[in-house]
Amino acid sequence: MPNFRTVMNQLASIDPAERDAARSVLLQMDEDVMDLLVAEFYAGMPEKLAVSLIEIIGEIGGYEALNLLGDIYYSPDTRPALKVAARLALLRNADNLEPLQVAKLRSDVL
């Protein structure tokens, strides 16, 4: 399995096949890679890559994912594209959220 930095470089590639391959590798790593993904997000990156990372984090799910996604979504400083991605990722994990939070997320219009 390639190292994390190599996979992140592939995720940032302009080649869709490389991006898809990197996405698959990260999803296979599952929660084992969550700390690295969270750190990578907070280190900063281009918006398009950040959206991809948010989507992957949402697919993996778990406690750390929900914390990061909530931080992104509820922060007043979050860029609109990241807020939309975080909302969708949170809704993907609706089974792990309070029903009122899910209802609010569904009704929010961004």
PDB file of N, CA and C in Angstrom:
ATOM      1  N   MET A   1       0.845  -1.175   0.000  1.00  0.00           N
ATOM      2  CA  MET A   1       0.000   0.000   0.000  1.00  0.00           C
ATOM      3  C   MET A   1       0.896   1.245   0.000  1.00  0.00           C
ATOM      4  N   PRO A   2       0.571   2.224  -0.856  1.00  0.00           N
ATOM      5  CA  PRO A   2       1.404   3.431  -0.927  1.00  0.00           C
ATOM      6  C   PRO A   2       1.321   4.236   0.379  1.00  0.00           C
ATOM      7  N   ASN A   3       2.340   5.074   0.582  1.00  0.00           N
ATOM      8  CA  ASN A   3       2.318   5.879   1.811  1.00  0.00           C
ATOM      9  C   ASN A   3       1.307   7.014   1.683  1.00  0.00           C
ATOM     10  N   PHE A   4       0.958   7.583   2.804  1.00  0.00           N
ATOM     11  CA  PHE A   4      -0.094   8.591   2.863  1.00  0.00           C
ATOM     12  C   PHE A   4       0.207   9.791   1.967  1.00  0.00           C
ATOM     13  N   ARG A   5       1.435  10.295   1.995  1.00  0.00           N
ATOM     14  CA  ARG A   5       1.789  11.476   1.188  1.00  0.00           C
ATOM     15  C   ARG A   5       1.598  11.189  -0.296  1.00  0.00           C
ATOM     16  N   THR A   6       1.977  10.003  -0.735  1.00  0.00           N
ATOM     17  CA  THR A   6       1.806   9.626  -2.143  1.00  0.00           C
ATOM     18  C   THR A   6       0.327   9.620  -2.510  1.00  0.00           C
ATOM     19  N   VAL A   7      -0.487   9.063  -1.632  1.00  0.00           N
ATOM     20  CA  VAL A   7      -1.930   9.007  -1.884  1.00  0.00           C
ATOM     21  C   VAL A   7      -2.523  10.412  -1.936  1.00  0.00           C
ATOM     22  N   MET A   8      -2.105  11.285  -1.045  1.00  0.00           N
ATOM     23  CA  MET A   8      -2.616  12.660  -1.055  1.00  0.00           C
ATOM     24  C   MET A   8      -2.191  13.390  -2.334  1.00  0.00           C
ATOM     25  N   ASN A   9      -0.986  13.136  -2.802  1.00  0.00           N
ATOM     26  CA  ASN A   9      -0.550  13.740  -4.063  1.00  0.00           C
ATOM     27  C   ASN A   9      -1.399  13.239  -5.221  1.00  0.00           C
ATOM     28  N   GLN A  10      -1.753  11.963  -5.185  1.00  0.00           N
ATOM     29  CA  GLN A  10      -2.623  11.411  -6.231  1.00  0.00           C
ATOM     30  C   GLN A  10      -4.025  12.020  -6.152  1.00  0.00           C
ATOM     31  N   LEU A  11      -4.506  12.248  -4.945  1.00  0.00           N
ATOM     32  CA  LEU A  11      -5.833  12.845  -4.774  1.00  0.00           C
ATOM     33  C   LEU A  11      -5.874  14.256  -5.355  1.00  0.00           C
ATOM     34  N   ALA A  12      -4.750  14.931  -5.357  1.00  0.00           N
ATOM     35  CA  ALA A  12      -4.659  16.291  -5.897  1.00  0.00           C
ATOM     36  C   ALA A  12      -4.365  16.309  -7.397  1.00  0.00           C
ATOM     37  N   SER A  13      -4.195  15.152  -8.006  1.00  0.00           N
ATOM     38  CA  SER A  13      -3.833  15.049  -9.417  1.00  0.00           C
ATOM     39  C   SER A  13      -4.925  15.606 -10.325  1.00  0.00           C
ATOM     40  N   ILE A  14      -4.510  16.051 -11.501  1.00  0.00           N
ATOM     41  CA  ILE A  14      -5.492  16.476 -12.503  1.00  0.00           C
ATOM     42  C   ILE A  14      -6.082  15.269 -13.241  1.00  0.00           C
ATOM     43  N   ASP A  15      -5.450  14.119 -13.099  1.00  0.00           N
ATOM     44  CA  ASP A  15      -5.906  12.892 -13.751  1.00  0.00           C
ATOM     45  C   ASP A  15      -7.023  12.243 -12.922  1.00  0.00           C
ATOM     46  N   PRO A  16      -8.242  12.163 -13.473  1.00  0.00           N
ATOM     47  CA  PRO A  16      -9.360  11.580 -12.720  1.00  0.00           C
ATOM     48  C   PRO A  16      -9.105  10.139 -12.270  1.00  0.00           C
ATOM     49  N   ALA A  17      -8.384   9.366 -13.062  1.00  0.00           N
ATOM     50  CA  ALA A  17      -8.096   7.982 -12.684  1.00  0.00           C
ATOM     51  C   ALA A  17      -7.205   7.930 -11.439  1.00  0.00           C
ATOM     52  N   GLU A  18      -6.231   8.824 -11.370  1.00  0.00           N
ATOM     53  CA  GLU A  18      -5.362   8.884 -10.181  1.00  0.00           C
ATOM     54  C   GLU A  18      -6.157   9.312  -8.956  1.00  0.00           C
ATOM     55  N   ARG A  19      -7.026  10.303  -9.139  1.00  0.00           N
ATOM     56  CA  ARG A  19      -7.852  10.760  -8.011  1.00  0.00           C
ATOM     57  C   ARG A  19      -8.762   9.637  -7.512  1.00  0.00           C
ATOM     58  N   ASP A  20      -9.373   8.908  -8.440  1.00  0.00           N
ATOM     59  CA  ASP A  20     -10.254   7.792  -8.051  1.00  0.00           C
ATOM     60  C   ASP A  20      -9.475   6.704  -7.328  1.00  0.00           C
ATOM     61  N   ALA A  21      -8.277   6.412  -7.810  1.00  0.00           N
ATOM     62  CA  ALA A  21      -7.441   5.390  -7.161  1.00  0.00           C
ATOM     63  C   ALA A  21      -7.065   5.825  -5.745  1.00  0.00           C
ATOM     64  N   ALA A  22      -6.703   7.093  -5.591  1.00  0.00           N
ATOM     65  CA  ALA A  22      -6.341   7.610  -4.262  1.00  0.00           C
ATOM     66  C   ALA A  22      -7.539   7.566  -3.326  1.00  0.00           C
ATOM     67  N   ARG A  23      -8.681   7.924  -3.839  1.00  0.00           N
ATOM     68  CA  ARG A  23      -9.913   7.888  -3.042  1.00  0.00           C
ATOM     69  C   ARG A  23     -10.184   6.466  -2.552  1.00  0.00           C
ATOM     70  N   SER A  24     -10.027   5.509  -3.427  1.00  0.00           N
ATOM     71  CA  SER A  24     -10.249   4.095  -3.061  1.00  0.00           C
ATOM     72  C   SER A  24      -9.277   3.643  -1.971  1.00  0.00           C
ATOM     73  N   VAL A  25      -8.023   4.025  -2.112  1.00  0.00           N
ATOM     74  CA  VAL A  25      -7.018   3.640  -1.114  1.00  0.00           C
ATOM     75  C   VAL A  25      -7.368   4.243   0.246  1.00  0.00           C
ATOM     76  N   LEU A  26      -7.731   5.516   0.258  1.00  0.00           N
ATOM     77  CA  LEU A  26      -8.066   6.175   1.524  1.00  0.00           C
ATOM     78  C   LEU A  26      -9.303   5.541   2.163  1.00  0.00           C
ATOM     79  N   LEU A  27     -10.287   5.200   1.350  1.00  0.00           N
ATOM     80  CA  LEU A  27     -11.487   4.558   1.897  1.00  0.00           C
ATOM     81  C   LEU A  27     -11.171   3.172   2.452  1.00  0.00           C
ATOM     82  N   GLN A  28     -10.234   2.469   1.825  1.00  0.00           N
ATOM     83  CA  GLN A  28      -9.835   1.152   2.325  1.00  0.00           C
ATOM     84  C   GLN A  28      -9.102   1.272   3.659  1.00  0.00           C
ATOM     85  N   MET A  29      -8.373   2.356   3.834  1.00  0.00           N
ATOM     86  CA  MET A  29      -7.651   2.569   5.094  1.00  0.00           C
ATOM     87  C   MET A  29      -8.621   2.824   6.240  1.00  0.00           C
ATOM     88  N   ASP A  30      -9.813   3.286   5.902  1.00  0.00           N
ATOM     89  CA  ASP A  30     -10.905   3.505   6.840  1.00  0.00           C
ATOM     90  C   ASP A  30     -10.453   4.399   8.002  1.00  0.00           C
ATOM     91  N   GLU A  31     -10.887   4.092   9.207  1.00  0.00           N
ATOM     92  CA  GLU A  31     -10.613   4.962  10.349  1.00  0.00           C
ATOM     93  C   GLU A  31      -9.142   4.994  10.738  1.00  0.00           C
ATOM     94  N   ASP A  32      -8.344   4.067  10.223  1.00  0.00           N
ATOM     95  CA  ASP A  32      -6.907   4.074  10.512  1.00  0.00           C
ATOM     96  C   ASP A  32      -6.228   5.335   9.982  1.00  0.00           C
ATOM     97  N   VAL A  33      -6.824   5.950   8.974  1.00  0.00           N
ATOM     98  CA  VAL A  33      -6.203   7.112   8.350  1.00  0.00           C
ATOM     99  C   VAL A  33      -6.849   8.432   8.815  1.00  0.00           C
ATOM    100  N   MET A  34      -7.844   8.349   9.662  1.00  0.00           N
ATOM    101  CA  MET A  34      -8.608   9.549  10.025  1.00  0.00           C
ATOM    102  C   MET A  34      -7.743  10.647  10.653  1.00  0.00           C
ATOM    103  N   ASP A  35      -6.859  10.312  11.569  1.00  0.00           N
ATOM    104  CA  ASP A  35      -6.006  11.339  12.182  1.00  0.00           C
ATOM    105  C   ASP A  35      -5.197  12.083  11.122  1.00  0.00           C
ATOM    106  N   LEU A  36      -4.673  11.345  10.161  1.00  0.00           N
ATOM    107  CA  LEU A  36      -3.888  11.970   9.094  1.00  0.00           C
ATOM    108  C   LEU A  36      -4.753  12.858   8.208  1.00  0.00           C
ATOM    109  N   LEU A  37      -5.979  12.409   7.910  1.00  0.00           N
ATOM    110  CA  LEU A  37      -6.877  13.211   7.078  1.00  0.00           C
ATOM    111  C   LEU A  37      -7.265  14.510   7.782  1.00  0.00           C
ATOM    112  N   VAL A  38      -7.559  14.416   9.060  1.00  0.00           N
ATOM    113  CA  VAL A  38      -7.918  15.612   9.826  1.00  0.00           C
ATOM    114  C   VAL A  38      -6.742  16.584   9.866  1.00  0.00           C
ATOM    115  N   ALA A  39      -5.567  16.075  10.138  1.00  0.00           N
ATOM    116  CA  ALA A  39      -4.369  16.931  10.174  1.00  0.00           C
ATOM    117  C   ALA A  39      -4.121  17.566   8.807  1.00  0.00           C
ATOM    118  N   GLU A  40      -4.303  16.796   7.763  1.00  0.00           N
ATOM    119  CA  GLU A  40      -4.111  17.296   6.408  1.00  0.00           C
ATOM    120  C   GLU A  40      -5.098  18.427   6.110  1.00  0.00           C
ATOM    121  N   PHE A  41      -6.340  18.242   6.509  1.00  0.00           N
ATOM    122  CA  PHE A  41      -7.346  19.276   6.282  1.00  0.00           C
ATOM    123  C   PHE A  41      -6.946  20.574   6.990  1.00  0.00           C
ATOM    124  N   TYR A  42      -6.568  20.467   8.248  1.00  0.00           N
ATOM    125  CA  TYR A  42      -6.219  21.671   9.013  1.00  0.00           C
ATOM    126  C   TYR A  42      -4.914  22.301   8.539  1.00  0.00           C
ATOM    127  N   ALA A  43      -4.082  21.554   7.847  1.00  0.00           N
ATOM    128  CA  ALA A  43      -2.834  22.116   7.318  1.00  0.00           C
ATOM    129  C   ALA A  43      -3.107  23.070   6.162  1.00  0.00           C
ATOM    130  N   GLY A  44      -4.275  22.936   5.558  1.00  0.00           N
ATOM    131  CA  GLY A  44      -4.647  23.817   4.456  1.00  0.00           C
ATOM    132  C   GLY A  44      -4.373  23.195   3.100  1.00  0.00           C
ATOM    133  N   MET A  45      -5.250  23.504   2.166  1.00  0.00           N
ATOM    134  CA  MET A  45      -5.145  22.963   0.818  1.00  0.00           C
ATOM    135  C   MET A  45      -6.096  23.718  -0.094  1.00  0.00           C
ATOM    136  N   PRO A  46      -5.954  23.539  -1.399  1.00  0.00           N
ATOM    137  CA  PRO A  46      -6.888  24.184  -2.322  1.00  0.00           C
ATOM    138  C   PRO A  46      -8.326  23.700  -2.061  1.00  0.00           C
ATOM    139  N   GLU A  47      -9.273  24.552  -2.359  1.00  0.00           N
ATOM    140  CA  GLU A  47     -10.677  24.257  -2.061  1.00  0.00           C
ATOM    141  C   GLU A  47     -11.161  22.943  -2.677  1.00  0.00           C
ATOM    142  N   LYS A  48     -10.836  22.692  -3.913  1.00  0.00           N
ATOM    143  CA  LYS A  48     -11.301  21.476  -4.581  1.00  0.00           C
ATOM    144  C   LYS A  48     -10.790  20.221  -3.868  1.00  0.00           C
ATOM    145  N   LEU A  49      -9.551  20.247  -3.455  1.00  0.00           N
ATOM    146  CA  LEU A  49      -8.973  19.121  -2.727  1.00  0.00           C
ATOM    147  C   LEU A  49      -9.620  18.997  -1.349  1.00  0.00           C
ATOM    148  N   ALA A  50      -9.880  20.121  -0.703  1.00  0.00           N
ATOM    149  CA  ALA A  50     -10.528  20.103   0.608  1.00  0.00           C
ATOM    150  C   ALA A  50     -11.924  19.491   0.513  1.00  0.00           C
ATOM    151  N   VAL A  51     -12.660  19.810  -0.545  1.00  0.00           N
ATOM    152  CA  VAL A  51     -13.994  19.222  -0.744  1.00  0.00           C
ATOM    153  C   VAL A  51     -13.871  17.711  -0.903  1.00  0.00           C
ATOM    154  N   SER A  52     -12.907  17.253  -1.684  1.00  0.00           N
ATOM    155  CA  SER A  52     -12.692  15.806  -1.850  1.00  0.00           C
ATOM    156  C   SER A  52     -12.376  15.148  -0.512  1.00  0.00           C
ATOM    157  N   LEU A  53     -11.551  15.793   0.262  1.00  0.00           N
ATOM    158  CA  LEU A  53     -11.172  15.253   1.571  1.00  0.00           C
ATOM    159  C   LEU A  53     -12.394  15.182   2.505  1.00  0.00           C
ATOM    160  N   ILE A  54     -13.214  16.208   2.493  1.00  0.00           N
ATOM    161  CA  ILE A  54     -14.431  16.217   3.309  1.00  0.00           C
ATOM    162  C   ILE A  54     -15.350  15.069   2.897  1.00  0.00           C
ATOM    163  N   GLU A  55     -15.484  14.852   1.601  1.00  0.00           N
ATOM    164  CA  GLU A  55     -16.332  13.762   1.117  1.00  0.00           C
ATOM    165  C   GLU A  55     -15.811  12.408   1.604  1.00  0.00           C
ATOM    166  N   ILE A  56     -14.514  12.211   1.528  1.00  0.00           N
ATOM    167  CA  ILE A  56     -13.905  10.951   1.977  1.00  0.00           C
ATOM    168  C   ILE A  56     -14.089  10.781   3.480  1.00  0.00           C
ATOM    169  N   ILE A  57     -13.850  11.836   4.228  1.00  0.00           N
ATOM    170  CA  ILE A  57     -14.021  11.786   5.679  1.00  0.00           C
ATOM    171  C   ILE A  57     -15.467  11.429   6.017  1.00  0.00           C
ATOM    172  N   GLY A  58     -16.410  11.999   5.280  1.00  0.00           N
ATOM    173  CA  GLY A  58     -17.813  11.683   5.501  1.00  0.00           C
ATOM    174  C   GLY A  58     -18.151  10.238   5.190  1.00  0.00           C
ATOM    175  N   GLU A  59     -17.518   9.690   4.162  1.00  0.00           N
ATOM    176  CA  GLU A  59     -17.754   8.285   3.814  1.00  0.00           C
ATOM    177  C   GLU A  59     -17.176   7.349   4.871  1.00  0.00           C
ATOM    178  N   ILE A  60     -16.027   7.698   5.405  1.00  0.00           N
ATOM    179  CA  ILE A  60     -15.417   6.864   6.439  1.00  0.00           C
ATOM    180  C   ILE A  60     -16.244   6.949   7.719  1.00  0.00           C
ATOM    181  N   GLY A  61     -16.633   8.154   8.084  1.00  0.00           N
ATOM    182  CA  GLY A  61     -17.466   8.342   9.269  1.00  0.00           C
ATOM    183  C   GLY A  61     -16.709   8.133  10.565  1.00  0.00           C
ATOM    184  N   GLY A  62     -17.447   8.011  11.652  1.00  0.00           N
ATOM    185  CA  GLY A  62     -16.856   7.828  12.969  1.00  0.00           C
ATOM    186  C   GLY A  62     -16.812   9.126  13.748  1.00  0.00           C
ATOM    187  N   TYR A  63     -16.417   8.995  15.002  1.00  0.00           N
ATOM    188  CA  TYR A  63     -16.415  10.110  15.945  1.00  0.00           C
ATOM    189  C   TYR A  63     -15.557  11.279  15.464  1.00  0.00           C
ATOM    190  N   GLU A  64     -14.327  10.991  15.051  1.00  0.00           N
ATOM    191  CA  GLU A  64     -13.428  12.062  14.612  1.00  0.00           C
ATOM    192  C   GLU A  64     -13.975  12.757  13.373  1.00  0.00           C
ATOM    193  N   ALA A  65     -14.549  11.976  12.471  1.00  0.00           N
ATOM    194  CA  ALA A  65     -15.123  12.551  11.257  1.00  0.00           C
ATOM    195  C   ALA A  65     -16.254  13.509  11.602  1.00  0.00           C
ATOM    196  N   LEU A  66     -17.153  13.081  12.475  1.00  0.00           N
ATOM    197  CA  LEU A  66     -18.278  13.933  12.844  1.00  0.00           C
ATOM    198  C   LEU A  66     -17.815  15.213  13.529  1.00  0.00           C
ATOM    199  N   ASN A  67     -16.781  15.126  14.338  1.00  0.00           N
ATOM    200  CA  ASN A  67     -16.238  16.331  14.984  1.00  0.00           C
ATOM    201  C   ASN A  67     -15.714  17.315  13.952  1.00  0.00           C
ATOM    202  N   LEU A  68     -14.913  16.828  13.018  1.00  0.00           N
ATOM    203  CA  LEU A  68     -14.357  17.714  11.996  1.00  0.00           C
ATOM    204  C   LEU A  68     -15.462  18.290  11.120  1.00  0.00           C
ATOM    205  N   LEU A  69     -16.373  17.444  10.682  1.00  0.00           N
ATOM    206  CA  LEU A  69     -17.450  17.908   9.806  1.00  0.00           C
ATOM    207  C   LEU A  69     -18.314  18.958  10.503  1.00  0.00           C
ATOM    208  N   GLY A  70     -18.582  18.734  11.789  1.00  0.00           N
ATOM    209  CA  GLY A  70     -19.338  19.727  12.548  1.00  0.00           C
ATOM    210  C   GLY A  70     -18.581  21.038  12.669  1.00  0.00           C
ATOM    211  N   ASP A  71     -17.290  20.946  12.937  1.00  0.00           N
ATOM    212  CA  ASP A  71     -16.467  22.162  13.025  1.00  0.00           C
ATOM    213  C   ASP A  71     -16.515  22.941  11.715  1.00  0.00           C
ATOM    214  N   ILE A  72     -16.402  22.229  10.615  1.00  0.00           N
ATOM    215  CA  ILE A  72     -16.411  22.878   9.299  1.00  0.00           C
ATOM    216  C   ILE A  72     -17.775  23.512   9.039  1.00  0.00           C
ATOM    217  N   TYR A  73     -18.816  22.735   9.249  1.00  0.00           N
ATOM    218  CA  TYR A  73     -20.166  23.203   8.904  1.00  0.00           C
ATOM    219  C   TYR A  73     -20.619  24.378   9.770  1.00  0.00           C
ATOM    220  N   TYR A  74     -20.369  24.298  11.053  1.00  0.00           N
ATOM    221  CA  TYR A  74     -20.903  25.313  11.957  1.00  0.00           C
ATOM    222  C   TYR A  74     -20.007  26.540  12.128  1.00  0.00           C
ATOM    223  N   SER A  75     -18.814  26.521  11.575  1.00  0.00           N
ATOM    224  CA  SER A  75     -17.932  27.679  11.677  1.00  0.00           C
ATOM    225  C   SER A  75     -18.419  28.799  10.757  1.00  0.00           C
ATOM    226  N   PRO A  76     -18.498  30.020  11.283  1.00  0.00           N
ATOM    227  CA  PRO A  76     -18.916  31.136  10.434  1.00  0.00           C
ATOM    228  C   PRO A  76     -17.862  31.522   9.388  1.00  0.00           C
ATOM    229  N   ASP A  77     -16.650  31.017   9.556  1.00  0.00           N
ATOM    230  CA  ASP A  77     -15.561  31.368   8.631  1.00  0.00           C
ATOM    231  C   ASP A  77     -15.392  30.383   7.480  1.00  0.00           C
ATOM    232  N   THR A  78     -16.195  29.336   7.450  1.00  0.00           N
ATOM    233  CA  THR A  78     -16.053  28.302   6.425  1.00  0.00           C
ATOM    234  C   THR A  78     -16.520  28.807   5.071  1.00  0.00           C
ATOM    235  N   ARG A  79     -15.700  28.534   4.054  1.00  0.00           N
ATOM    236  CA  ARG A  79     -16.067  28.901   2.687  1.00  0.00           C
ATOM    237  C   ARG A  79     -17.308  28.107   2.257  1.00  0.00           C
ATOM    238  N   PRO A  80     -18.172  28.699   1.434  1.00  0.00           N
ATOM    239  CA  PRO A  80     -19.439  28.059   1.055  1.00  0.00           C
ATOM    240  C   PRO A  80     -19.295  26.644   0.476  1.00  0.00           C
ATOM    241  N   ALA A  81     -18.335  26.404  -0.390  1.00  0.00           N
ATOM    242  CA  ALA A  81     -18.192  25.068  -0.986  1.00  0.00           C
ATOM    243  C   ALA A  81     -17.847  24.020   0.073  1.00  0.00           C
ATOM    244  N   LEU A  82     -17.046  24.404   1.046  1.00  0.00           N
ATOM    245  CA  LEU A  82     -16.694  23.476   2.122  1.00  0.00           C
ATOM    246  C   LEU A  82     -17.880  23.240   3.043  1.00  0.00           C
ATOM    247  N   LYS A  83     -18.668  24.284   3.276  1.00  0.00           N
ATOM    248  CA  LYS A  83     -19.860  24.159   4.118  1.00  0.00           C
ATOM    249  C   LYS A  83     -20.863  23.206   3.464  1.00  0.00           C
ATOM    250  N   VAL A  84     -21.054  23.320   2.164  1.00  0.00           N
ATOM    251  CA  VAL A  84     -21.969  22.428   1.440  1.00  0.00           C
ATOM    252  C   VAL A  84     -21.473  20.989   1.538  1.00  0.00           C
ATOM    253  N   ALA A  85     -20.187  20.774   1.318  1.00  0.00           N
ATOM    254  CA  ALA A  85     -19.619  19.420   1.394  1.00  0.00           C
ATOM    255  C   ALA A  85     -19.760  18.849   2.798  1.00  0.00           C
ATOM    256  N   ALA A  86     -19.527  19.669   3.816  1.00  0.00           N
ATOM    257  CA  ALA A  86     -19.642  19.197   5.200  1.00  0.00           C
ATOM    258  C   ALA A  86     -21.089  18.852   5.533  1.00  0.00           C
ATOM    259  N   ARG A  87     -22.028  19.663   5.065  1.00  0.00           N
ATOM    260  CA  ARG A  87     -23.456  19.385   5.300  1.00  0.00           C
ATOM    261  C   ARG A  87     -23.839  18.037   4.698  1.00  0.00           C
ATOM    262  N   LEU A  88     -23.445  17.797   3.462  1.00  0.00           N
ATOM    263  CA  LEU A  88     -23.770  16.529   2.810  1.00  0.00           C
ATOM    264  C   LEU A  88     -23.108  15.354   3.526  1.00  0.00           C
ATOM    265  N   ALA A  89     -21.878  15.552   3.962  1.00  0.00           N
ATOM    266  CA  ALA A  89     -21.168  14.488   4.688  1.00  0.00           C
ATOM    267  C   ALA A  89     -21.825  14.205   6.034  1.00  0.00           C
ATOM    268  N   LEU A  90     -22.282  15.250   6.714  1.00  0.00           N
ATOM    269  CA  LEU A  90     -22.996  15.055   7.973  1.00  0.00           C
ATOM    270  C   LEU A  90     -24.301  14.291   7.732  1.00  0.00           C
ATOM    271  N   LEU A  91     -25.023  14.675   6.692  1.00  0.00           N
ATOM    272  CA  LEU A  91     -26.269  13.977   6.382  1.00  0.00           C
ATOM    273  C   LEU A  91     -26.020  12.515   6.017  1.00  0.00           C
ATOM    274  N   ARG A  92     -24.880  12.240   5.416  1.00  0.00           N
ATOM    275  CA  ARG A  92     -24.512  10.859   5.102  1.00  0.00           C
ATOM    276  C   ARG A  92     -24.375  10.040   6.392  1.00  0.00           C
ATOM    277  N   ASN A  93     -24.061  10.706   7.475  1.00  0.00           N
ATOM    278  CA  ASN A  93     -23.885  10.075   8.785  1.00  0.00           C
ATOM    279  C   ASN A  93     -25.070  10.357   9.710  1.00  0.00           C
ATOM    280  N   ALA A  94     -26.228  10.591   9.151  1.00  0.00           N
ATOM    281  CA  ALA A  94     -27.406  10.981   9.923  1.00  0.00           C
ATOM    282  C   ALA A  94     -27.752   9.989  11.030  1.00  0.00           C
ATOM    283  N   ASP A  95     -27.455   8.720  10.829  1.00  0.00           N
ATOM    284  CA  ASP A  95     -27.763   7.712  11.857  1.00  0.00           C
ATOM    285  C   ASP A  95     -26.993   7.943  13.153  1.00  0.00           C
ATOM    286  N   ASN A  96     -25.911   8.712  13.075  1.00  0.00           N
ATOM    287  CA  ASN A  96     -25.091   8.982  14.257  1.00  0.00           C
ATOM    288  C   ASN A  96     -25.305  10.374  14.842  1.00  0.00           C
ATOM    289  N   LEU A  97     -26.331  11.065  14.361  1.00  0.00           N
ATOM    290  CA  LEU A  97     -26.620  12.420  14.820  1.00  0.00           C
ATOM    291  C   LEU A  97     -27.967  12.449  15.532  1.00  0.00           C
ATOM    292  N   GLU A  98     -28.174  13.499  16.295  1.00  0.00           N
ATOM    293  CA  GLU A  98     -29.463  13.708  16.950  1.00  0.00           C
ATOM    294  C   GLU A  98     -30.519  14.026  15.892  1.00  0.00           C
ATOM    295  N   PRO A  99     -31.739  13.519  16.058  1.00  0.00           N
ATOM    296  CA  PRO A  99     -32.796  13.779  15.068  1.00  0.00           C
ATOM    297  C   PRO A  99     -33.029  15.267  14.796  1.00  0.00           C
ATOM    298  N   LEU A 100     -32.952  16.103  15.818  1.00  0.00           N
ATOM    299  CA  LEU A 100     -33.136  17.541  15.601  1.00  0.00           C
ATOM    300  C   LEU A 100     -32.020  18.135  14.746  1.00  0.00           C
ATOM    301  N   GLN A 101     -30.801  17.659  14.948  1.00  0.00           N
ATOM    302  CA  GLN A 101     -29.678  18.140  14.147  1.00  0.00           C
ATOM    303  C   GLN A 101     -29.869  17.728  12.688  1.00  0.00           C
ATOM    304  N   VAL A 102     -30.325  16.503  12.470  1.00  0.00           N
ATOM    305  CA  VAL A 102     -30.564  16.023  11.103  1.00  0.00           C
ATOM    306  C   VAL A 102     -31.651  16.863  10.433  1.00  0.00           C
ATOM    307  N   ALA A 103     -32.732  17.115  11.158  1.00  0.00           N
ATOM    308  CA  ALA A 103     -33.819  17.928  10.608  1.00  0.00           C
ATOM    309  C   ALA A 103     -33.322  19.319  10.238  1.00  0.00           C
ATOM    310  N   LYS A 104     -32.499  19.910  11.099  1.00  0.00           N
ATOM    311  CA  LYS A 104     -31.953  21.244  10.823  1.00  0.00           C
ATOM    312  C   LYS A 104     -31.037  21.211   9.601  1.00  0.00           C
ATOM    313  N   LEU A 105     -30.185  20.189   9.524  1.00  0.00           N
ATOM    314  CA  LEU A 105     -29.296  20.073   8.362  1.00  0.00           C
ATOM    315  C   LEU A 105     -30.104  19.928   7.071  1.00  0.00           C
ATOM    316  N   ARG A 106     -31.168  19.148   7.128  1.00  0.00           N
ATOM    317  CA  ARG A 106     -31.992  18.947   5.931  1.00  0.00           C
ATOM    318  C   ARG A 106     -32.707  20.222   5.516  1.00  0.00           C
ATOM    319  N   SER A 107     -33.055  21.042   6.480  1.00  0.00           N
ATOM    320  CA  SER A 107     -33.810  22.258   6.159  1.00  0.00           C
ATOM    321  C   SER A 107     -32.908  23.446   5.828  1.00  0.00           C
ATOM    322  N   ASP A 108     -31.632  23.368   6.177  1.00  0.00           N
ATOM    323  CA  ASP A 108     -30.712  24.476   5.884  1.00  0.00           C
ATOM    324  C   ASP A 108     -30.549  24.645   4.389  1.00  0.00           C
ATOM    325  N   VAL A 109     -30.620  25.872   3.977  1.00  0.00           N
ATOM    326  CA  VAL A 109     -30.407  26.201   2.568  1.00  0.00           C
ATOM    327  C   VAL A 109     -29.130  27.030   2.495  1.00  0.00           C
ATOM    328  N   LEU A 110     -28.172  26.518   1.751  1.00  0.00           N
ATOM    329  CA  LEU A 110     -26.884  27.224   1.655  1.00  0.00           C
ATOM    330  C   LEU A 110     -26.777  27.967   0.362  1.00  0.00           C
TER     331      LEU A 110
END
